[in-house]
Protein backbone atom coordinates (compact mmCIF):
# COMPACT_ATOMS: atom_id res chain seq x y z
CA GLU A 1 0.00 0.00 0.00
CA GLU A 2 1.11 3.52 -0.74
CA GLU A 3 1.82 5.93 2.05
CA GLU A 4 -0.21 9.11 2.06
CA GLU A 5 1.72 12.35 2.17
CA ASP A 6 1.28 14.58 5.19
CA LEU A 7 -0.29 17.79 3.80
CA SER A 8 -1.11 19.31 7.17
CA GLU A 9 1.80 21.75 7.00
CA LEU A 10 0.72 23.32 3.67
CA PRO A 11 -0.93 26.75 3.80
CA PRO A 12 -4.72 26.77 3.45
CA LEU A 13 -6.19 27.20 -0.04
CA GLU A 14 -7.71 30.56 -0.66
CA ASP A 15 -9.38 32.35 -3.53
CA VAL A 16 -7.08 35.16 -4.51
CA GLY A 17 -9.45 36.34 -7.24
CA ARG A 18 -8.57 37.02 -10.83
CA PRO A 19 -8.86 40.13 -12.87
CA PRO A 20 -11.87 40.07 -15.19
CA LEU A 21 -11.28 38.30 -18.48
CA GLU A 22 -10.65 40.39 -21.53
CA GLU A 23 -13.45 40.18 -24.09
CA ALA A 24 -11.26 37.99 -26.34
CA GLU A 25 -10.73 35.55 -23.44
CA GLN A 26 -14.45 35.16 -22.64
CA PRO A 27 -15.83 31.65 -23.22
CA GLY A 28 -17.16 31.38 -26.76
CA ALA A 29 -15.44 34.57 -27.95
CA LEU A 30 -13.71 32.78 -30.81
CA ALA A 31 -16.96 31.17 -31.92
CA ARG A 32 -18.79 34.52 -31.84
CA GLU A 33 -15.98 36.16 -33.82
CA PHE A 34 -16.05 33.35 -36.39
CA LEU A 35 -19.83 33.50 -36.78
CA ALA A 36 -19.76 37.28 -37.13
CA ALA A 37 -17.16 36.96 -39.89
CA MET A 38 -19.31 34.36 -41.69
CA GLU A 39 -22.46 36.51 -41.78
CA PRO A 40 -22.83 38.02 -45.23
CA GLU A 41 -23.00 41.77 -45.29
CA PRO A 42 -26.33 42.93 -46.67
CA GLU A 43 -26.13 44.14 -50.24
CA PRO A 44 -26.77 47.85 -50.41
CA ALA A 45 -30.01 48.54 -52.22
CA PRO A 46 -29.45 50.48 -55.42
CA ALA A 47 -30.69 54.05 -55.43
CA PRO A 48 -34.14 54.33 -57.02
CA ASP A 49 -32.71 55.91 -60.18
CA GLU A 50 -30.01 53.25 -60.64
CA TRP A 51 -30.14 50.07 -62.69
CA LEU A 52 -29.23 46.78 -61.04
CA ASP A 53 -27.30 44.54 -63.44
CA ILE A 54 -28.79 41.21 -62.34
CA LEU A 55 -26.39 38.87 -64.12
CA GLY A 56 -23.41 41.19 -64.41
CA ASN A 57 -23.44 41.04 -68.22
CA GLY A 58 -25.77 43.96 -68.95
CA LEU A 59 -28.35 41.68 -70.58
CA LEU A 60 -30.81 41.66 -67.67
CA ARG A 61 -31.28 44.81 -65.61
CA LYS A 62 -33.81 46.02 -63.03
CA LYS A 63 -34.67 49.55 -61.98
CA THR A 64 -36.93 50.23 -58.98
CA LEU A 65 -39.61 52.75 -59.90
CA VAL A 66 -41.67 52.56 -56.69
CA PRO A 67 -40.09 50.82 -53.67
CA GLY A 68 -42.10 48.35 -51.62
CA PRO A 69 -43.39 49.49 -48.22
CA PRO A 70 -40.84 49.59 -45.37
CA GLY A 71 -40.24 46.16 -43.89
CA SER A 72 -41.57 44.34 -46.95
CA SER A 73 -39.97 41.03 -47.82
CA ARG A 74 -38.81 39.39 -51.01
CA PRO A 75 -40.34 36.23 -52.45
CA ALA A 76 -38.40 32.97 -52.31
CA LYS A 77 -37.96 30.24 -54.89
CA GLY A 78 -40.97 27.92 -54.83
CA GLN A 79 -43.41 30.59 -53.66
CA VAL A 80 -46.49 31.39 -55.70
CA VAL A 81 -46.33 35.05 -56.68
CA THR A 82 -48.70 37.45 -58.41
CA VAL A 83 -47.34 40.25 -60.57
CA GLN A 84 -48.80 42.93 -62.79
CA LEU A 85 -46.90 42.59 -66.04
CA GLN A 86 -46.53 44.84 -69.06
CA THR A 87 -44.07 43.80 -71.73
CA SER A 88 -42.96 45.94 -74.63
CA LEU A 89 -40.28 46.08 -77.29
CA GLU A 90 -37.44 48.61 -77.32
CA ASN A 91 -39.43 50.82 -79.71
CA GLY A 92 -42.30 50.99 -77.17
CA THR A 93 -44.69 48.58 -78.92
CA ARG A 94 -46.72 46.87 -76.20
CA VAL A 95 -46.51 43.09 -76.55
CA GLN A 96 -48.37 41.73 -73.54
CA GLU A 97 -50.34 42.98 -70.56
CA GLU A 98 -51.21 40.75 -67.62
CA PRO A 99 -52.99 42.48 -64.71
CA GLU A 100 -52.58 39.40 -62.47
CA LEU A 101 -49.97 36.92 -63.66
CA VAL A 102 -49.70 34.11 -61.09
CA PHE A 103 -46.75 31.69 -61.21
CA THR A 104 -44.46 29.62 -59.01
CA LEU A 105 -41.12 31.37 -58.69
CA GLY A 106 -38.21 29.36 -60.09
CA ASP A 107 -40.33 26.68 -61.79
CA CYS A 108 -39.72 28.01 -65.33
CA ASP A 109 -43.46 28.66 -65.73
CA VAL A 110 -42.71 32.10 -67.19
CA ILE A 111 -39.96 33.81 -69.16
CA GLN A 112 -36.54 33.53 -67.57
CA ALA A 113 -36.34 37.31 -67.10
CA LEU A 114 -39.21 37.09 -64.60
CA ASP A 115 -37.81 34.07 -62.75
CA LEU A 116 -34.52 35.95 -62.31
CA SER A 117 -35.79 39.46 -61.52
CA VAL A 118 -38.85 38.90 -59.30
CA PRO A 119 -36.80 37.40 -56.41
CA LEU A 120 -34.94 40.73 -56.28
CA MET A 121 -38.14 42.73 -55.82
CA ASP A 122 -39.79 43.60 -52.53
CA VAL A 123 -43.48 42.80 -52.13
CA GLY A 124 -45.36 45.86 -53.40
CA GLU A 125 -42.43 47.16 -55.48
CA THR A 126 -42.89 48.49 -59.00
CA ALA A 127 -39.89 47.93 -61.23
CA MET A 128 -38.81 48.19 -64.83
CA VAL A 129 -36.84 45.25 -66.17
CA THR A 130 -34.92 45.31 -69.44
CA ALA A 131 -33.92 41.95 -70.83
CA ASP A 132 -32.13 40.58 -73.84
CA SER A 133 -34.36 38.38 -76.00
CA LYS A 134 -32.59 35.23 -74.80
CA TYR A 135 -34.12 35.82 -71.34
CA CYS A 136 -37.56 36.38 -72.85
CA TYR A 137 -38.91 34.68 -75.94
CA GLY A 138 -35.68 33.80 -77.73
CA PRO A 139 -33.83 35.38 -80.65
CA GLN A 140 -37.02 35.96 -82.67
CA GLY A 141 -38.45 38.24 -79.99
């Protein structure tokens, strides 16, 4: 059997206190810092008179004419949306007018220009979208 050491002569244990931890030393500080760095910064909304180049190639652009009400949200892929649609050619000839076009966003039920631009609109927003024919009805118009 092992002999136990005589600890009776040691000074008593006492709490000497510690200075408060720096913020970086707080439990979970690294995790909070990592998560904060991972959060995407919100994209600044373009000014009402600016065009948003949706694809970055100049072939599909959106300009907000009337912003949605404050706090309004944007539709998500798979949601059923209703839009008022007016389509026209570059020369101003009106091609189509739909007072209540209902479709499922992202299901290719409508022209690609709508599937790509509507998710960037707030509920209640009025916008003008210019699109190359390949995002509409093809090369013939």
